[in-house]
Each structure stands twice: as structure tokens, then as C-alpha cells.
Amino acid sequence: MLGKPVRKRRDPSGIAIFEYDFAVHGGAIGAISLENDVIPDDAVIIDGFIDVKTALTSGGSATIGFFNMNTGDIKAQTAVASYSVGAILDVVPDGAAANMVKSEYDVNHYLNMVIEDAALTAGKLSVCLRYIVTDTTTLQAASESSSSESSESSWSSESSQSIP
């Protein structure tokens, strides 16, 4: 007798790490899309922090904020002086349901950094965000895609072997 099929399920939780580096992104006033990671479709951002590697500096009174879906949903505009070397800064999502951010389907899921009031002249930081994907359809599709890729790669390696 066959048992119930085992459903492979991708882990619904994850951590996205977005990096800003003045040498790479520049520091002009406006929005910068940090595209070195992604928040998956239908994810809820639970919490996180900002780790300042090199102090953010400005020739004036710059403010810096971060958003995923709406202005300030990750970090409201904050004075450049707060981004000092070694600082660990809070973000809006802090584990309380009222402060979590829902990353909606079919929308840009990169993190956006907003520089206002004055341009930046230096700095480097990482924004670390913990999330959970809440849509089981999204999880199932990801699981099927990864198991299909695994099957294809094992088939290729088997078919390329010579038969004695």
C-alpha cells in the first residue's frame, strides 16, 4: 500500500539583506533602488535592523529613509548624523502586527532608499529584513519550480555519463 504523498514545501521564512554603498550607488538627492536582494511575493516583513558599516556623511543636513511599499514603511526620514559608523538602527517593522509591512503581489520588491535635503558624500550600510511568505500558493509554486530544476539537473548529469 502506498502512503500519502510527501509534499515538499519551501521554508516560508527568510532574511533579505540590502546594501547601500556610496562608491556604487552615489548619493544624489532622490530615491535609490537597492536591488542586491529581493522581498518575495506575498511576504510580510516582520522585523529587521540597519547596520552602518561606514558613516553616512553629507555636505548639508541630509535625511535618509527606506521603503518597500509606502514612504517610510521601513525607516522614516532620519538625520544623517544618526547613521554613524557601527550604529545599529531600528526599523519600523518591529515584530508587532501593526508595524509589519505586506509586500503585495506583482509589485517591485526591492528596497528603496530616499535621500532628501542634501546629497550624501560617503557611507555604507546594510538593511536586514526578516520576512515570512504567507501565501501557500506562492510557496507551492516555488517548491515545484525548485524540484523540477533538481530533477532536470540530475537527469542531465546521468545522461552525460557513458554507458559501459
Protein backbone atom coordinates (compact mmCIF):
# COMPACT_ATOMS: atom_id res chain seq x y z
CA MET A 1 0.00 0.00 0.00
CA LEU A 2 1.30 3.40 -0.89
CA GLY A 3 1.46 6.05 1.80
CA LYS A 4 0.33 9.62 1.48
CA PRO A 5 2.47 11.65 -0.89
CA VAL A 6 5.02 13.79 0.86
CA ARG A 7 4.56 17.39 -0.16
CA LYS A 8 7.82 19.28 -0.38
CA ARG A 9 7.36 22.75 0.98
CA ARG A 10 9.78 25.58 0.77
CA ASP A 11 10.63 27.28 4.05
CA PRO A 12 8.31 30.30 4.26
CA SER A 13 10.72 32.48 6.24
CA GLY A 14 13.79 34.33 5.09
CA ILE A 15 16.10 37.28 5.53
CA ALA A 16 16.79 39.83 2.82
CA ILE A 17 19.94 41.92 3.09
CA PHE A 18 20.07 45.11 1.04
CA GLU A 19 23.34 47.02 0.83
CA TYR A 20 23.95 50.67 0.12
CA ASP A 21 27.50 51.75 -0.79
CA PHE A 22 28.23 55.35 -1.78
CA ALA A 23 31.02 54.13 -4.10
CA VAL A 24 28.48 52.03 -6.04
CA HIS A 25 25.19 53.94 -5.73
CA GLY A 26 26.30 57.56 -5.35
CA GLY A 27 24.46 59.91 -3.01
CA ALA A 28 22.31 62.29 -5.06
CA ILE A 29 19.05 63.59 -3.62
CA GLY A 30 16.21 61.25 -4.62
CA ALA A 31 15.38 57.56 -4.47
CA ILE A 32 17.90 54.77 -4.97
CA SER A 33 16.64 51.25 -5.62
CA LEU A 34 18.76 48.73 -3.73
CA GLU A 35 18.47 45.67 -5.96
CA ASN A 36 21.04 43.29 -4.45
CA ASP A 37 18.30 41.20 -2.77
CA VAL A 38 14.52 40.87 -3.02
CA ILE A 39 11.46 40.50 -0.80
CA PRO A 40 9.39 37.62 -2.26
CA ASP A 41 5.80 37.99 -3.47
CA ASP A 42 3.21 37.85 -0.67
CA ALA A 43 5.79 38.25 2.09
CA VAL A 44 5.17 40.01 5.37
CA ILE A 45 8.23 41.87 6.68
CA ILE A 46 8.30 41.12 10.40
CA ASP A 47 11.32 42.98 11.71
CA GLY A 48 14.90 43.97 10.98
CA PHE A 49 17.67 46.48 11.57
CA ILE A 50 20.17 48.73 9.80
CA ASP A 51 23.89 48.04 10.29
CA VAL A 52 26.07 51.07 9.44
CA LYS A 53 29.48 49.92 8.13
CA THR A 54 30.84 53.36 7.17
CA ALA A 55 29.28 56.57 8.48
CA LEU A 56 26.92 58.33 6.09
CA THR A 57 28.09 61.91 5.59
CA SER A 58 26.70 64.91 3.80
CA GLY A 59 27.71 68.43 2.87
CA GLY A 60 24.45 69.61 4.48
CA SER A 61 21.59 68.32 6.61
CA ALA A 62 20.66 65.19 4.66
CA THR A 63 17.90 62.86 5.83
CA ILE A 64 17.70 59.21 4.83
CA GLY A 65 14.73 56.84 4.86
CA PHE A 66 13.81 53.45 3.43
CA PHE A 67 10.64 51.98 1.99
CA ASN A 68 9.33 48.80 0.39
CA MET A 69 5.69 49.60 -0.41
CA ASN A 70 4.98 53.07 1.00
CA THR A 71 7.12 56.02 2.03
CA GLY A 72 8.72 55.42 5.42
CA ASP A 73 7.31 51.91 5.93
CA ILE A 74 10.78 50.52 6.69
CA LYS A 75 12.52 53.64 8.15
CA ALA A 76 11.19 57.18 8.29
CA GLN A 77 13.44 60.02 7.12
CA THR A 78 16.18 60.30 9.75
CA ALA A 79 19.05 62.79 10.11
CA VAL A 80 22.34 61.73 8.55
CA ALA A 81 24.09 62.07 11.95
CA SER A 82 22.14 59.00 13.18
CA TYR A 83 23.96 56.86 10.60
CA SER A 84 27.32 56.88 12.40
CA VAL A 85 29.90 54.10 11.96
CA GLY A 86 28.97 50.97 13.92
CA ALA A 87 25.41 52.13 14.60
CA ILE A 88 22.64 49.55 14.64
CA LEU A 89 19.36 51.32 13.88
CA ASP A 90 15.77 50.18 14.39
CA VAL A 91 13.34 49.82 11.51
CA VAL A 92 9.55 50.31 11.61
CA PRO A 93 8.66 46.58 11.44
CA ASP A 94 9.44 45.50 15.00
CA GLY A 95 7.50 42.28 15.45
CA ALA A 96 4.21 43.99 16.31
CA ALA A 97 1.49 43.20 13.75
CA ALA A 98 0.57 46.89 13.40
CA ASN A 99 4.13 47.69 12.22
CA MET A 100 4.65 44.79 9.79
CA VAL A 101 4.81 45.52 6.06
CA LYS A 102 2.93 43.39 3.49
CA SER A 103 4.82 43.12 0.23
CA GLU A 104 2.00 42.83 -2.28
CA TYR A 105 1.94 40.60 -5.33
CA ASP A 106 3.30 41.85 -8.64
CA VAL A 107 4.96 44.95 -7.20
CA ASN A 108 8.64 45.90 -7.07
CA HIS A 109 10.08 44.09 -4.05
CA TYR A 110 13.43 45.80 -3.84
CA LEU A 111 14.22 48.21 -1.06
CA ASN A 112 14.23 51.92 -1.85
CA MET A 113 16.47 54.40 -0.09
CA VAL A 114 15.39 58.04 -0.10
CA ILE A 115 17.88 60.88 0.32
CA GLU A 116 16.41 64.31 0.99
CA ASP A 117 17.58 67.87 1.78
CA ALA A 118 21.27 67.36 0.82
CA ALA A 119 23.35 64.85 -1.12
CA LEU A 120 25.44 62.21 0.64
CA THR A 121 29.23 62.31 0.29
CA ALA A 122 30.14 58.89 1.77
CA GLY A 123 28.78 55.85 3.55
CA LYS A 124 28.00 52.17 3.50
CA LEU A 125 25.27 50.19 5.29
CA SER A 126 23.20 47.02 5.23
CA VAL A 127 19.45 46.83 5.82
CA CYS A 128 18.49 43.38 7.12
CA LEU A 129 14.79 42.44 6.95
CA ARG A 130 13.21 39.22 8.22
CA TYR A 131 10.04 38.08 6.45
CA ILE A 132 7.54 35.23 6.12
CA VAL A 133 5.74 34.32 2.88
CA THR A 134 2.09 33.86 3.84
CA ASP A 135 0.59 32.63 0.56
CA THR A 136 0.79 28.82 0.31
CA THR A 137 0.27 29.03 -3.47
CA THR A 138 3.45 31.06 -3.77
CA LEU A 139 5.29 28.53 -1.61
CA GLN A 140 3.97 25.56 -3.59
CA ALA A 141 4.95 27.14 -6.93
CA ALA A 142 8.47 27.85 -5.62
CA SER A 143 8.74 24.30 -4.31
CA GLU A 144 7.59 22.78 -7.63
CA SER A 145 9.99 25.00 -9.55
CA SER A 146 12.98 24.00 -7.39
CA SER A 147 12.12 20.27 -7.50
CA SER A 148 11.74 20.49 -11.30
CA GLU A 149 15.17 22.13 -11.56
CA SER A 150 16.65 19.41 -9.30
CA SER A 151 15.16 16.66 -11.48
CA GLU A 152 16.45 18.28 -14.65
CA SER A 153 19.96 18.71 -13.27
CA SER A 154 20.13 15.09 -12.02
CA TRP A 155 18.78 13.84 -15.40
CA SER A 156 21.45 15.84 -17.24
CA SER A 157 24.27 14.50 -15.11
CA GLU A 158 23.01 10.91 -15.54
CA SER A 159 22.55 11.24 -19.30
CA SER A 160 26.02 12.65 -19.81
CA GLN A 161 27.67 9.57 -18.25
CA SER A 162 28.96 6.95 -20.64
CA ILE A 163 27.37 3.52 -20.56
CA PRO A 164 29.90 0.69 -20.13
